Amino acid sequence: MQVTQTSKGGLGINVQAEHAVAITAGTTVYEPSLVYVGVTGNVTVTTVGGETGVVFTGVVAGTVLPVLVTAVTAATATGLVLLT
């Protein structure tokens, strides 16, 4: 997976993934990955850095979370897709 930042403030992140797979809350990831959110809601993750219980609140539909994750532990958002 290739991730590039295209603007100064961290906005405009481009993702070029080789694989995409639909997931649900409770999914453990075996390769650090980004998560696409298809339907607005909250997403709780474990980051590749080891932080647990990190909650992204009110994630808007069509968003790619800007953090590499190793697990999606909970979600009210749906339409989650793992990008690797």
N, C-alpha and C. Protein backbone atom coordinates (compact mmCIF):
# COMPACT_ATOMS: atom_id res chain seq x y z
N MET A 1 0.85 -1.17 0.00
CA MET A 1 0.00 0.00 0.00
C MET A 1 0.89 1.23 0.00
N GLN A 2 0.51 2.21 -0.78
CA GLN A 2 1.24 3.47 -0.83
C GLN A 2 0.34 4.57 -0.30
N VAL A 3 0.82 5.34 0.67
CA VAL A 3 0.08 6.45 1.23
C VAL A 3 0.93 7.70 1.07
N THR A 4 0.36 8.74 0.46
CA THR A 4 1.09 10.00 0.30
C THR A 4 0.25 11.15 0.82
N GLN A 5 0.92 12.13 1.39
CA GLN A 5 0.25 13.32 1.88
C GLN A 5 0.47 14.40 0.85
N THR A 6 -0.61 15.02 0.37
CA THR A 6 -0.47 15.95 -0.73
C THR A 6 -0.58 17.42 -0.35
N SER A 7 -0.86 17.72 0.90
CA SER A 7 -0.91 19.12 1.29
C SER A 7 -0.27 19.33 2.65
N LYS A 8 0.02 20.57 2.95
CA LYS A 8 0.75 20.93 4.16
C LYS A 8 0.09 20.51 5.46
N GLY A 9 -1.20 20.72 5.58
CA GLY A 9 -1.89 20.48 6.84
C GLY A 9 -2.35 19.06 7.06
N GLY A 10 -1.89 18.13 6.24
CA GLY A 10 -2.32 16.75 6.41
C GLY A 10 -3.59 16.43 5.66
N LEU A 11 -4.13 17.43 4.96
CA LEU A 11 -5.33 17.19 4.16
C LEU A 11 -4.93 16.66 2.80
N GLY A 12 -5.83 15.98 2.16
CA GLY A 12 -5.55 15.49 0.82
C GLY A 12 -4.70 14.24 0.80
N ILE A 13 -4.91 13.35 1.74
CA ILE A 13 -4.14 12.11 1.77
C ILE A 13 -4.59 11.22 0.62
N ASN A 14 -3.63 10.70 -0.13
CA ASN A 14 -3.92 9.78 -1.22
C ASN A 14 -3.54 8.37 -0.80
N VAL A 15 -4.40 7.43 -1.10
CA VAL A 15 -4.15 6.03 -0.76
C VAL A 15 -4.18 5.21 -2.04
N GLN A 16 -3.17 4.39 -2.20
CA GLN A 16 -3.13 3.47 -3.32
C GLN A 16 -2.95 2.08 -2.73
N ALA A 17 -4.06 1.37 -2.55
CA ALA A 17 -4.04 0.07 -1.92
C ALA A 17 -3.98 -1.04 -2.96
N GLU A 18 -3.40 -2.14 -2.58
CA GLU A 18 -3.36 -3.31 -3.45
C GLU A 18 -4.55 -4.23 -3.18
N HIS A 19 -5.08 -4.18 -1.95
CA HIS A 19 -6.18 -5.06 -1.57
C HIS A 19 -7.25 -4.27 -0.83
N ALA A 20 -8.50 -4.70 -0.96
CA ALA A 20 -9.61 -4.12 -0.22
C ALA A 20 -10.57 -5.25 0.14
N VAL A 21 -10.99 -5.26 1.40
CA VAL A 21 -11.91 -6.31 1.86
C VAL A 21 -12.87 -5.72 2.88
N ALA A 22 -14.15 -6.06 2.74
CA ALA A 22 -15.16 -5.59 3.69
C ALA A 22 -14.91 -6.23 5.05
N ILE A 23 -15.07 -5.43 6.11
CA ILE A 23 -14.88 -5.93 7.47
C ILE A 23 -16.01 -5.45 8.36
N THR A 24 -16.08 -6.00 9.56
CA THR A 24 -17.02 -5.55 10.58
C THR A 24 -16.25 -5.29 11.86
N ALA A 25 -16.91 -4.66 12.82
CA ALA A 25 -16.27 -4.42 14.11
C ALA A 25 -15.86 -5.75 14.72
N GLY A 26 -14.73 -5.76 15.42
CA GLY A 26 -14.21 -6.97 16.02
C GLY A 26 -13.18 -7.66 15.15
N THR A 27 -12.81 -7.01 14.05
CA THR A 27 -11.84 -7.59 13.12
C THR A 27 -10.42 -7.26 13.55
N THR A 28 -9.58 -8.27 13.66
CA THR A 28 -8.15 -8.08 13.89
C THR A 28 -7.46 -8.09 12.55
N VAL A 29 -6.53 -7.18 12.36
CA VAL A 29 -5.84 -7.01 11.08
C VAL A 29 -4.45 -7.60 11.21
N TYR A 30 -4.02 -8.37 10.24
CA TYR A 30 -2.72 -9.02 10.31
C TYR A 30 -1.63 -8.25 9.58
N GLU A 31 -2.02 -7.20 8.88
CA GLU A 31 -1.08 -6.32 8.22
C GLU A 31 -1.56 -4.90 8.49
N PRO A 32 -0.71 -3.99 8.95
CA PRO A 32 -1.18 -2.62 9.21
C PRO A 32 -1.95 -2.09 8.02
N SER A 33 -3.12 -1.53 8.30
CA SER A 33 -4.04 -1.16 7.24
C SER A 33 -4.76 0.15 7.55
N LEU A 34 -5.33 0.72 6.51
CA LEU A 34 -6.22 1.87 6.65
C LEU A 34 -7.65 1.36 6.58
N VAL A 35 -8.60 2.15 7.11
CA VAL A 35 -10.00 1.75 7.09
C VAL A 35 -10.81 2.83 6.37
N TYR A 36 -11.58 2.39 5.38
CA TYR A 36 -12.54 3.25 4.68
C TYR A 36 -13.88 3.09 5.38
N VAL A 37 -14.58 4.21 5.61
CA VAL A 37 -15.89 4.18 6.27
C VAL A 37 -16.95 4.54 5.23
N GLY A 38 -17.88 3.62 4.99
CA GLY A 38 -18.90 3.82 3.98
C GLY A 38 -20.14 4.53 4.47
N VAL A 39 -20.51 4.33 5.75
CA VAL A 39 -21.70 4.94 6.33
C VAL A 39 -21.31 5.62 7.64
N THR A 40 -21.69 6.88 7.79
CA THR A 40 -21.31 7.73 8.93
C THR A 40 -21.54 7.05 10.29
N GLY A 41 -20.58 7.23 11.20
CA GLY A 41 -20.69 6.71 12.56
C GLY A 41 -19.36 6.78 13.28
N ASN A 42 -19.25 6.07 14.39
CA ASN A 42 -18.03 6.03 15.19
C ASN A 42 -17.25 4.76 14.89
N VAL A 43 -15.91 4.85 14.97
CA VAL A 43 -15.06 3.69 14.75
C VAL A 43 -13.99 3.67 15.84
N THR A 44 -13.85 2.55 16.52
CA THR A 44 -12.84 2.37 17.57
C THR A 44 -11.78 1.41 17.06
N VAL A 45 -10.51 1.82 17.18
CA VAL A 45 -9.42 1.03 16.60
C VAL A 45 -8.27 0.85 17.59
N THR A 46 -7.40 -0.09 17.25
CA THR A 46 -6.08 -0.23 17.86
C THR A 46 -5.10 0.19 16.78
N THR A 47 -4.19 1.11 17.11
CA THR A 47 -3.26 1.61 16.11
C THR A 47 -2.04 0.71 16.00
N VAL A 48 -1.32 0.86 14.90
CA VAL A 48 -0.09 0.09 14.70
C VAL A 48 0.94 0.45 15.77
N GLY A 49 0.83 1.63 16.35
CA GLY A 49 1.73 2.05 17.43
C GLY A 49 1.38 1.46 18.78
N GLY A 50 0.23 0.75 18.86
CA GLY A 50 -0.14 0.07 20.08
C GLY A 50 -1.19 0.77 20.93
N GLU A 51 -1.66 1.95 20.53
CA GLU A 51 -2.71 2.62 21.29
C GLU A 51 -4.01 1.85 21.09
N THR A 52 -4.71 1.57 22.20
CA THR A 52 -5.96 0.82 22.12
C THR A 52 -7.14 1.72 22.46
N GLY A 53 -8.30 1.38 21.95
CA GLY A 53 -9.52 2.12 22.28
C GLY A 53 -9.57 3.51 21.72
N VAL A 54 -8.87 3.77 20.63
CA VAL A 54 -8.89 5.09 20.00
C VAL A 54 -10.21 5.22 19.24
N VAL A 55 -11.02 6.21 19.62
CA VAL A 55 -12.35 6.38 19.02
C VAL A 55 -12.35 7.56 18.06
N PHE A 56 -12.72 7.29 16.83
CA PHE A 56 -12.97 8.34 15.85
C PHE A 56 -14.48 8.55 15.85
N THR A 57 -14.91 9.73 16.29
CA THR A 57 -16.32 10.02 16.48
C THR A 57 -16.90 10.78 15.29
N GLY A 58 -18.07 10.34 14.85
CA GLY A 58 -18.77 11.04 13.76
C GLY A 58 -18.02 11.02 12.45
N VAL A 59 -17.40 9.91 12.13
CA VAL A 59 -16.66 9.79 10.88
C VAL A 59 -17.66 9.86 9.73
N VAL A 60 -17.44 10.77 8.81
CA VAL A 60 -18.35 11.00 7.70
C VAL A 60 -18.18 9.91 6.64
N ALA A 61 -19.29 9.52 6.04
CA ALA A 61 -19.26 8.52 4.97
C ALA A 61 -18.28 8.94 3.88
N GLY A 62 -17.50 7.98 3.40
CA GLY A 62 -16.53 8.26 2.34
C GLY A 62 -15.15 8.62 2.86
N THR A 63 -14.95 8.54 4.17
CA THR A 63 -13.68 8.90 4.79
C THR A 63 -12.74 7.70 4.90
N VAL A 64 -11.45 7.93 4.67
CA VAL A 64 -10.41 6.94 4.99
C VAL A 64 -9.74 7.45 6.26
N LEU A 65 -9.78 6.64 7.32
CA LEU A 65 -9.14 7.06 8.58
C LEU A 65 -7.64 7.24 8.34
N PRO A 66 -7.07 8.34 8.82
CA PRO A 66 -5.67 8.65 8.53
C PRO A 66 -4.68 8.03 9.51
N VAL A 67 -4.89 6.75 9.87
CA VAL A 67 -4.01 6.08 10.80
C VAL A 67 -3.96 4.59 10.44
N LEU A 68 -2.77 4.01 10.55
CA LEU A 68 -2.64 2.58 10.31
C LEU A 68 -3.16 1.84 11.53
N VAL A 69 -3.98 0.82 11.31
CA VAL A 69 -4.61 0.10 12.41
C VAL A 69 -4.25 -1.39 12.36
N THR A 70 -4.36 -2.01 13.54
CA THR A 70 -4.18 -3.47 13.63
C THR A 70 -5.48 -4.15 14.05
N ALA A 71 -6.48 -3.37 14.45
CA ALA A 71 -7.79 -3.93 14.79
C ALA A 71 -8.85 -2.84 14.75
N VAL A 72 -10.05 -3.24 14.34
CA VAL A 72 -11.24 -2.41 14.49
C VAL A 72 -12.05 -3.10 15.57
N THR A 73 -12.08 -2.48 16.76
CA THR A 73 -12.65 -3.16 17.92
C THR A 73 -14.14 -2.90 18.11
N ALA A 74 -14.63 -1.77 17.60
CA ALA A 74 -16.05 -1.44 17.71
C ALA A 74 -16.39 -0.42 16.64
N ALA A 75 -17.66 -0.37 16.27
CA ALA A 75 -18.07 0.63 15.29
C ALA A 75 -19.58 0.77 15.27
N THR A 76 -20.05 2.03 15.20
CA THR A 76 -21.45 2.28 14.87
C THR A 76 -21.52 2.58 13.38
N ALA A 77 -20.40 2.96 12.80
CA ALA A 77 -20.31 3.16 11.35
C ALA A 77 -20.38 1.79 10.68
N THR A 78 -20.88 1.77 9.46
CA THR A 78 -20.92 0.52 8.71
C THR A 78 -20.29 0.75 7.33
N GLY A 79 -20.27 -0.31 6.55
CA GLY A 79 -19.65 -0.21 5.24
C GLY A 79 -18.14 -0.05 5.35
N LEU A 80 -17.55 -0.71 6.35
CA LEU A 80 -16.11 -0.60 6.59
C LEU A 80 -15.34 -1.48 5.60
N VAL A 81 -14.29 -0.91 5.04
CA VAL A 81 -13.44 -1.64 4.10
C VAL A 81 -11.99 -1.47 4.52
N LEU A 82 -11.30 -2.58 4.62
CA LEU A 82 -9.88 -2.60 4.97
C LEU A 82 -9.06 -2.39 3.72
N LEU A 83 -8.11 -1.44 3.76
CA LEU A 83 -7.26 -1.15 2.61
C LEU A 83 -5.82 -1.51 2.94
N THR A 84 -5.24 -2.42 2.17
CA THR A 84 -3.85 -2.82 2.40
C THR A 84 -3.08 -2.78 1.09
